[in-house]
Amino acid sequence: MINYRIKTRIMTKTEIIQNLKCGGCSTTITNALNELEGICNTVVDNEQNSVTFEYTEESQVKIVEEKLSSLGWELIMNYKL
């Protein structure tokens, strides 16, 4: 039997958002994004108003952006690290 390992490319994205005010906001965002399939290692930086996460497929970025919006945080700009 031959075992094949498929190497998954992990990418990192940072979103800059409005109205990031406290640790409660950070916890809400972290928990919500980490529940999404394929999203991991979410880090929220209140001082920089940023959310950084890892993902494996480009389509997941749109899902994260929609989730942030549904939670009440609007994107200011985004960029890849």
PDB file of N, CA and C in Angstrom:
ATOM      1  N   MET A   1       0.841  -1.175   0.000  1.00  0.00           N
ATOM      2  CA  MET A   1       0.000   0.000   0.000  1.00  0.00           C
ATOM      3  C   MET A   1       0.891   1.245   0.000  1.00  0.00           C
ATOM      4  N   ILE A   2       0.551   2.181  -0.833  1.00  0.00           N
ATOM      5  CA  ILE A   2       1.308   3.423  -0.951  1.00  0.00           C
ATOM      6  C   ILE A   2       0.531   4.522  -0.238  1.00  0.00           C
ATOM      7  N   ASN A   3       1.212   5.252   0.620  1.00  0.00           N
ATOM      8  CA  ASN A   3       0.605   6.392   1.295  1.00  0.00           C
ATOM      9  C   ASN A   3       1.044   7.668   0.589  1.00  0.00           C
ATOM     10  N   TYR A   4       0.090   8.467   0.223  1.00  0.00           N
ATOM     11  CA  TYR A   4       0.370   9.750  -0.410  1.00  0.00           C
ATOM     12  C   TYR A   4       0.054  10.852   0.583  1.00  0.00           C
ATOM     13  N   ARG A   5       0.942  11.806   0.657  1.00  0.00           N
ATOM     14  CA  ARG A   5       0.689  12.973   1.490  1.00  0.00           C
ATOM     15  C   ARG A   5       0.494  14.163   0.573  1.00  0.00           C
ATOM     16  N   ILE A   6      -0.600  14.825   0.743  1.00  0.00           N
ATOM     17  CA  ILE A   6      -0.863  16.027  -0.035  1.00  0.00           C
ATOM     18  C   ILE A   6      -0.435  17.217   0.808  1.00  0.00           C
ATOM     19  N   LYS A   7       0.458  17.997   0.244  1.00  0.00           N
ATOM     20  CA  LYS A   7       0.940  19.174   0.952  1.00  0.00           C
ATOM     21  C   LYS A   7      -0.044  20.318   0.731  1.00  0.00           C
ATOM     22  N   THR A   8      -0.538  20.862   1.827  1.00  0.00           N
ATOM     23  CA  THR A   8      -1.476  21.968   1.770  1.00  0.00           C
ATOM     24  C   THR A   8      -0.715  23.272   1.968  1.00  0.00           C
ATOM     25  N   ARG A   9      -0.963  24.203   1.108  1.00  0.00           N
ATOM     26  CA  ARG A   9      -0.324  25.511   1.214  1.00  0.00           C
ATOM     27  C   ARG A   9      -1.115  26.364   2.198  1.00  0.00           C
ATOM     28  N   ILE A  10      -0.466  26.824   3.238  1.00  0.00           N
ATOM     29  CA  ILE A  10      -1.114  27.682   4.229  1.00  0.00           C
ATOM     30  C   ILE A  10      -0.718  29.121   3.939  1.00  0.00           C
ATOM     31  N   MET A  11      -1.727  29.973   3.832  1.00  0.00           N
ATOM     32  CA  MET A  11      -1.497  31.387   3.551  1.00  0.00           C
ATOM     33  C   MET A  11      -1.944  32.209   4.757  1.00  0.00           C
ATOM     34  N   THR A  12      -1.420  33.405   4.860  1.00  0.00           N
ATOM     35  CA  THR A  12      -1.761  34.308   5.959  1.00  0.00           C
ATOM     36  C   THR A  12      -2.349  35.587   5.389  1.00  0.00           C
ATOM     37  N   LYS A  13      -3.370  36.082   6.047  1.00  0.00           N
ATOM     38  CA  LYS A  13      -4.034  37.307   5.604  1.00  0.00           C
ATOM     39  C   LYS A  13      -4.294  38.194   6.810  1.00  0.00           C
ATOM     40  N   THR A  14      -4.151  39.487   6.639  1.00  0.00           N
ATOM     41  CA  THR A  14      -4.490  40.454   7.678  1.00  0.00           C
ATOM     42  C   THR A  14      -5.568  41.386   7.153  1.00  0.00           C
ATOM     43  N   GLU A  15      -6.598  41.545   7.947  1.00  0.00           N
ATOM     44  CA  GLU A  15      -7.690  42.468   7.632  1.00  0.00           C
ATOM     45  C   GLU A  15      -7.632  43.607   8.639  1.00  0.00           C
ATOM     46  N   ILE A  16      -7.778  44.830   8.177  1.00  0.00           N
ATOM     47  CA  ILE A  16      -7.859  46.001   9.049  1.00  0.00           C
ATOM     48  C   ILE A  16      -9.342  46.343   9.171  1.00  0.00           C
ATOM     49  N   ILE A  17      -9.812  46.441  10.418  1.00  0.00           N
ATOM     50  CA  ILE A  17     -11.243  46.644  10.634  1.00  0.00           C
ATOM     51  C   ILE A  17     -11.509  47.866  11.505  1.00  0.00           C
ATOM     52  N   GLN A  18     -12.756  48.342  11.469  1.00  0.00           N
ATOM     53  CA  GLN A  18     -13.190  49.477  12.281  1.00  0.00           C
ATOM     54  C   GLN A  18     -13.793  48.978  13.590  1.00  0.00           C
ATOM     55  N   ASN A  19     -13.756  49.834  14.589  1.00  0.00           N
ATOM     56  CA  ASN A  19     -14.455  49.634  15.860  1.00  0.00           C
ATOM     57  C   ASN A  19     -13.950  48.462  16.684  1.00  0.00           C
ATOM     58  N   LEU A  20     -12.686  48.161  16.610  1.00  0.00           N
ATOM     59  CA  LEU A  20     -12.103  47.126  17.450  1.00  0.00           C
ATOM     60  C   LEU A  20     -11.683  47.807  18.744  1.00  0.00           C
ATOM     61  N   LYS A  21     -12.412  47.517  19.835  1.00  0.00           N
ATOM     62  CA  LYS A  21     -12.244  48.330  21.033  1.00  0.00           C
ATOM     63  C   LYS A  21     -11.658  47.620  22.246  1.00  0.00           C
ATOM     64  N   CYS A  22     -11.933  46.341  22.424  1.00  0.00           N
ATOM     65  CA  CYS A  22     -11.557  45.741  23.701  1.00  0.00           C
ATOM     66  C   CYS A  22     -11.226  44.261  23.561  1.00  0.00           C
ATOM     67  N   GLY A  23     -10.830  43.677  24.671  1.00  0.00           N
ATOM     68  CA  GLY A  23     -10.523  42.253  24.700  1.00  0.00           C
ATOM     69  C   GLY A  23     -11.735  41.392  24.387  1.00  0.00           C
ATOM     70  N   GLY A  24     -12.910  41.867  24.746  1.00  0.00           N
ATOM     71  CA  GLY A  24     -14.136  41.129  24.429  1.00  0.00           C
ATOM     72  C   GLY A  24     -14.337  41.025  22.927  1.00  0.00           C
ATOM     73  N   CYS A  25     -14.033  42.121  22.228  1.00  0.00           N
ATOM     74  CA  CYS A  25     -14.118  42.110  20.766  1.00  0.00           C
ATOM     75  C   CYS A  25     -13.136  41.085  20.197  1.00  0.00           C
ATOM     76  N   SER A  26     -11.934  41.084  20.741  1.00  0.00           N
ATOM     77  CA  SER A  26     -10.904  40.153  20.277  1.00  0.00           C
ATOM     78  C   SER A  26     -11.347  38.708  20.462  1.00  0.00           C
ATOM     79  N   THR A  27     -11.910  38.417  21.614  1.00  0.00           N
ATOM     80  CA  THR A  27     -12.359  37.052  21.902  1.00  0.00           C
ATOM     81  C   THR A  27     -13.487  36.636  20.977  1.00  0.00           C
ATOM     82  N   THR A  28     -14.444  37.534  20.763  1.00  0.00           N
ATOM     83  CA  THR A  28     -15.568  37.241  19.868  1.00  0.00           C
ATOM     84  C   THR A  28     -15.082  36.923  18.466  1.00  0.00           C
ATOM     85  N   ILE A  29     -14.195  37.755  17.939  1.00  0.00           N
ATOM     86  CA  ILE A  29     -13.675  37.557  16.588  1.00  0.00           C
ATOM     87  C   ILE A  29     -12.858  36.266  16.502  1.00  0.00           C
ATOM     88  N   THR A  30     -11.969  36.071  17.451  1.00  0.00           N
ATOM     89  CA  THR A  30     -11.120  34.875  17.439  1.00  0.00           C
ATOM     90  C   THR A  30     -11.960  33.608  17.452  1.00  0.00           C
ATOM     91  N   ASN A  31     -12.917  33.542  18.353  1.00  0.00           N
ATOM     92  CA  ASN A  31     -13.763  32.349  18.443  1.00  0.00           C
ATOM     93  C   ASN A  31     -14.581  32.131  17.178  1.00  0.00           C
ATOM     94  N   ALA A  32     -15.153  33.205  16.639  1.00  0.00           N
ATOM     95  CA  ALA A  32     -16.003  33.090  15.444  1.00  0.00           C
ATOM     96  C   ALA A  32     -15.202  32.630  14.230  1.00  0.00           C
ATOM     97  N   LEU A  33     -14.019  33.189  14.037  1.00  0.00           N
ATOM     98  CA  LEU A  33     -13.231  32.822  12.860  1.00  0.00           C
ATOM     99  C   LEU A  33     -12.630  31.430  12.989  1.00  0.00           C
ATOM    100  N   ASN A  34     -12.184  31.072  14.180  1.00  0.00           N
ATOM    101  CA  ASN A  34     -11.595  29.748  14.358  1.00  0.00           C
ATOM    102  C   ASN A  34     -12.619  28.628  14.214  1.00  0.00           C
ATOM    103  N   GLU A  35     -13.907  28.951  14.290  1.00  0.00           N
ATOM    104  CA  GLU A  35     -14.961  27.962  14.060  1.00  0.00           C
ATOM    105  C   GLU A  35     -15.180  27.694  12.570  1.00  0.00           C
ATOM    106  N   LEU A  36     -14.692  28.587  11.712  1.00  0.00           N
ATOM    107  CA  LEU A  36     -14.876  28.417  10.279  1.00  0.00           C
ATOM    108  C   LEU A  36     -13.936  27.341   9.752  1.00  0.00           C
ATOM    109  N   GLU A  37     -14.443  26.530   8.866  1.00  0.00           N
ATOM    110  CA  GLU A  37     -13.636  25.448   8.299  1.00  0.00           C
ATOM    111  C   GLU A  37     -12.454  26.018   7.519  1.00  0.00           C
ATOM    112  N   GLY A  38     -11.272  25.514   7.811  1.00  0.00           N
ATOM    113  CA  GLY A  38     -10.071  25.919   7.088  1.00  0.00           C
ATOM    114  C   GLY A  38      -9.398  27.164   7.611  1.00  0.00           C
ATOM    115  N   ILE A  39      -9.957  27.792   8.649  1.00  0.00           N
ATOM    116  CA  ILE A  39      -9.365  29.000   9.233  1.00  0.00           C
ATOM    117  C   ILE A  39      -8.730  28.622  10.562  1.00  0.00           C
ATOM    118  N   CYS A  40      -7.501  29.092  10.779  1.00  0.00           N
ATOM    119  CA  CYS A  40      -6.844  28.775  12.050  1.00  0.00           C
ATOM    120  C   CYS A  40      -5.876  29.892  12.433  1.00  0.00           C
ATOM    121  N   ASN A  41      -5.376  29.787  13.633  1.00  0.00           N
ATOM    122  CA  ASN A  41      -4.371  30.719  14.162  1.00  0.00           C
ATOM    123  C   ASN A  41      -4.780  32.183  14.022  1.00  0.00           C
ATOM    124  N   THR A  42      -6.016  32.477  14.387  1.00  0.00           N
ATOM    125  CA  THR A  42      -6.512  33.848  14.340  1.00  0.00           C
ATOM    126  C   THR A  42      -5.870  34.662  15.457  1.00  0.00           C
ATOM    127  N   VAL A  43      -5.348  35.836  15.086  1.00  0.00           N
ATOM    128  CA  VAL A  43      -4.749  36.753  16.057  1.00  0.00           C
ATOM    129  C   VAL A  43      -5.368  38.123  15.848  1.00  0.00           C
ATOM    130  N   VAL A  44      -5.895  38.697  16.917  1.00  0.00           N
ATOM    131  CA  VAL A  44      -6.504  40.022  16.863  1.00  0.00           C
ATOM    132  C   VAL A  44      -5.585  40.996  17.594  1.00  0.00           C
ATOM    133  N   ASP A  45      -5.280  42.112  16.942  1.00  0.00           N
ATOM    134  CA  ASP A  45      -4.429  43.149  17.532  1.00  0.00           C
ATOM    135  C   ASP A  45      -5.270  44.412  17.685  1.00  0.00           C
ATOM    136  N   ASN A  46      -5.691  44.682  18.923  1.00  0.00           N
ATOM    137  CA  ASN A  46      -6.557  45.841  19.171  1.00  0.00           C
ATOM    138  C   ASN A  46      -5.869  47.155  18.847  1.00  0.00           C
ATOM    139  N   GLU A  47      -4.579  47.263  19.121  1.00  0.00           N
ATOM    140  CA  GLU A  47      -3.865  48.516  18.872  1.00  0.00           C
ATOM    141  C   GLU A  47      -3.768  48.827  17.385  1.00  0.00           C
ATOM    142  N   GLN A  48      -3.630  47.797  16.563  1.00  0.00           N
ATOM    143  CA  GLN A  48      -3.508  47.982  15.117  1.00  0.00           C
ATOM    144  C   GLN A  48      -4.835  47.832  14.391  1.00  0.00           C
ATOM    145  N   ASN A  49      -5.911  47.522  15.145  1.00  0.00           N
ATOM    146  CA  ASN A  49      -7.227  47.277  14.535  1.00  0.00           C
ATOM    147  C   ASN A  49      -7.142  46.210  13.452  1.00  0.00           C
ATOM    148  N   SER A  50      -6.407  45.156  13.747  1.00  0.00           N
ATOM    149  CA  SER A  50      -6.196  44.131  12.722  1.00  0.00           C
ATOM    150  C   SER A  50      -6.572  42.739  13.199  1.00  0.00           C
ATOM    151  N   VAL A  51      -6.926  41.919  12.219  1.00  0.00           N
ATOM    152  CA  VAL A  51      -7.214  40.508  12.435  1.00  0.00           C
ATOM    153  C   VAL A  51      -6.364  39.739  11.433  1.00  0.00           C
ATOM    154  N   THR A  52      -5.525  38.843  11.925  1.00  0.00           N
ATOM    155  CA  THR A  52      -4.686  38.021  11.068  1.00  0.00           C
ATOM    156  C   THR A  52      -5.092  36.567  11.245  1.00  0.00           C
ATOM    157  N   PHE A  53      -5.157  35.842  10.141  1.00  0.00           N
ATOM    158  CA  PHE A  53      -5.559  34.441  10.202  1.00  0.00           C
ATOM    159  C   PHE A  53      -4.856  33.661   9.106  1.00  0.00           C
ATOM    160  N   GLU A  54      -4.834  32.345   9.289  1.00  0.00           N
ATOM    161  CA  GLU A  54      -4.274  31.455   8.280  1.00  0.00           C
ATOM    162  C   GLU A  54      -5.404  30.716   7.595  1.00  0.00           C
ATOM    163  N   TYR A  55      -5.205  30.423   6.302  1.00  0.00           N
ATOM    164  CA  TYR A  55      -6.222  29.740   5.509  1.00  0.00           C
ATOM    165  C   TYR A  55      -5.533  28.926   4.422  1.00  0.00           C
ATOM    166  N   THR A  56      -6.297  28.045   3.784  1.00  0.00           N
ATOM    167  CA  THR A  56      -5.704  27.177   2.763  1.00  0.00           C
ATOM    168  C   THR A  56      -6.290  27.393   1.377  1.00  0.00           C
ATOM    169  N   GLU A  57      -7.453  28.053   1.281  1.00  0.00           N
ATOM    170  CA  GLU A  57      -8.087  28.297  -0.017  1.00  0.00           C
ATOM    171  C   GLU A  57      -8.548  29.746  -0.111  1.00  0.00           C
ATOM    172  N   GLU A  58      -8.355  30.357  -1.270  1.00  0.00           N
ATOM    173  CA  GLU A  58      -8.738  31.758  -1.471  1.00  0.00           C
ATOM    174  C   GLU A  58     -10.200  32.033  -1.142  1.00  0.00           C
ATOM    175  N   SER A  59     -11.069  31.071  -1.404  1.00  0.00           N
ATOM    176  CA  SER A  59     -12.503  31.267  -1.149  1.00  0.00           C
ATOM    177  C   SER A  59     -12.784  31.492   0.330  1.00  0.00           C
ATOM    178  N   GLN A  60     -11.899  31.064   1.208  1.00  0.00           N
ATOM    179  CA  GLN A  60     -12.102  31.230   2.640  1.00  0.00           C
ATOM    180  C   GLN A  60     -11.964  32.686   3.076  1.00  0.00           C
ATOM    181  N   VAL A  61     -11.207  33.471   2.334  1.00  0.00           N
ATOM    182  CA  VAL A  61     -11.032  34.884   2.674  1.00  0.00           C
ATOM    183  C   VAL A  61     -12.371  35.602   2.597  1.00  0.00           C
ATOM    184  N   LYS A  62     -13.128  35.363   1.566  1.00  0.00           N
ATOM    185  CA  LYS A  62     -14.448  35.991   1.417  1.00  0.00           C
ATOM    186  C   LYS A  62     -15.367  35.576   2.562  1.00  0.00           C
ATOM    187  N   ILE A  63     -15.294  34.321   2.966  1.00  0.00           N
ATOM    188  CA  ILE A  63     -16.117  33.834   4.077  1.00  0.00           C
ATOM    189  C   ILE A  63     -15.745  34.561   5.364  1.00  0.00           C
ATOM    190  N   VAL A  64     -14.458  34.762   5.601  1.00  0.00           N
ATOM    191  CA  VAL A  64     -14.007  35.499   6.786  1.00  0.00           C
ATOM    192  C   VAL A  64     -14.502  36.943   6.728  1.00  0.00           C
ATOM    193  N   GLU A  65     -14.372  37.584   5.574  1.00  0.00           N
ATOM    194  CA  GLU A  65     -14.823  38.968   5.428  1.00  0.00           C
ATOM    195  C   GLU A  65     -16.318  39.088   5.694  1.00  0.00           C
ATOM    196  N   GLU A  66     -17.093  38.140   5.192  1.00  0.00           N
ATOM    197  CA  GLU A  66     -18.540  38.139   5.432  1.00  0.00           C
ATOM    198  C   GLU A  66     -18.854  37.906   6.904  1.00  0.00           C
ATOM    199  N   LYS A  67     -18.105  37.031   7.552  1.00  0.00           N
ATOM    200  CA  LYS A  67     -18.315  36.757   8.975  1.00  0.00           C
ATOM    201  C   LYS A  67     -18.018  37.993   9.803  1.00  0.00           C
ATOM    202  N   LEU A  68     -16.901  38.666   9.519  1.00  0.00           N
ATOM    203  CA  LEU A  68     -16.570  39.891  10.247  1.00  0.00           C
ATOM    204  C   LEU A  68     -17.673  40.933  10.086  1.00  0.00           C
ATOM    205  N   SER A  69     -18.169  41.086   8.873  1.00  0.00           N
ATOM    206  CA  SER A  69     -19.242  42.042   8.610  1.00  0.00           C
ATOM    207  C   SER A  69     -20.517  41.664   9.371  1.00  0.00           C
ATOM    208  N   SER A  70     -20.854  40.374   9.375  1.00  0.00           N
ATOM    209  CA  SER A  70     -22.072  39.940  10.075  1.00  0.00           C
ATOM    210  C   SER A  70     -21.962  40.137  11.584  1.00  0.00           C
ATOM    211  N   LEU A  71     -20.737  40.156  12.109  1.00  0.00           N
ATOM    212  CA  LEU A  71     -20.515  40.399  13.532  1.00  0.00           C
ATOM    213  C   LEU A  71     -20.466  41.892  13.866  1.00  0.00           C
ATOM    214  N   GLY A  72     -20.468  42.743  12.828  1.00  0.00           N
ATOM    215  CA  GLY A  72     -20.506  44.182  13.049  1.00  0.00           C
ATOM    216  C   GLY A  72     -19.200  44.910  12.842  1.00  0.00           C
ATOM    217  N   TRP A  73     -18.189  44.238  12.314  1.00  0.00           N
ATOM    218  CA  TRP A  73     -16.909  44.889  12.053  1.00  0.00           C
ATOM    219  C   TRP A  73     -16.731  45.070  10.553  1.00  0.00           C
ATOM    220  N   GLU A  74     -16.556  46.310  10.144  1.00  0.00           N
ATOM    221  CA  GLU A  74     -16.382  46.620   8.728  1.00  0.00           C
ATOM    222  C   GLU A  74     -14.899  46.705   8.382  1.00  0.00           C
ATOM    223  N   LEU A  75     -14.567  46.216   7.219  1.00  0.00           N
ATOM    224  CA  LEU A  75     -13.177  46.251   6.743  1.00  0.00           C
ATOM    225  C   LEU A  75     -12.782  47.661   6.344  1.00  0.00           C
ATOM    226  N   ILE A  76     -11.576  48.053   6.688  1.00  0.00           N
ATOM    227  CA  ILE A  76     -11.015  49.308   6.220  1.00  0.00           C
ATOM    228  C   ILE A  76     -10.186  49.039   4.978  1.00  0.00           C
ATOM    229  N   MET A  77      -9.280  48.071   5.083  1.00  0.00           N
ATOM    230  CA  MET A  77      -8.487  47.615   3.947  1.00  0.00           C
ATOM    231  C   MET A  77      -7.927  46.260   4.321  1.00  0.00           C
ATOM    232  N   ASN A  78      -7.430  45.562   3.339  1.00  0.00           N
ATOM    233  CA  ASN A  78      -6.827  44.264   3.624  1.00  0.00           C
ATOM    234  C   ASN A  78      -5.580  44.094   2.778  1.00  0.00           C
ATOM    235  N   TYR A  79      -4.708  43.229   3.249  1.00  0.00           N
ATOM    236  CA  TYR A  79      -3.472  42.954   2.512  1.00  0.00           C
ATOM    237  C   TYR A  79      -2.930  41.611   2.933  1.00  0.00           C
ATOM    238  N   LYS A  80      -2.160  41.006   2.063  1.00  0.00           N
ATOM    239  CA  LYS A  80      -1.511  39.732   2.378  1.00  0.00           C
ATOM    240  C   LYS A  80      -0.165  40.001   3.009  1.00  0.00           C
ATOM    241  N   LEU A  81       0.189  39.183   3.974  1.00  0.00           N
ATOM    242  CA  LEU A  81       1.535  39.269   4.563  1.00  0.00           C
ATOM    243  C   LEU A  81       2.490  38.483   3.710  1.00  0.00           C
TER     244      LEU A  81
END
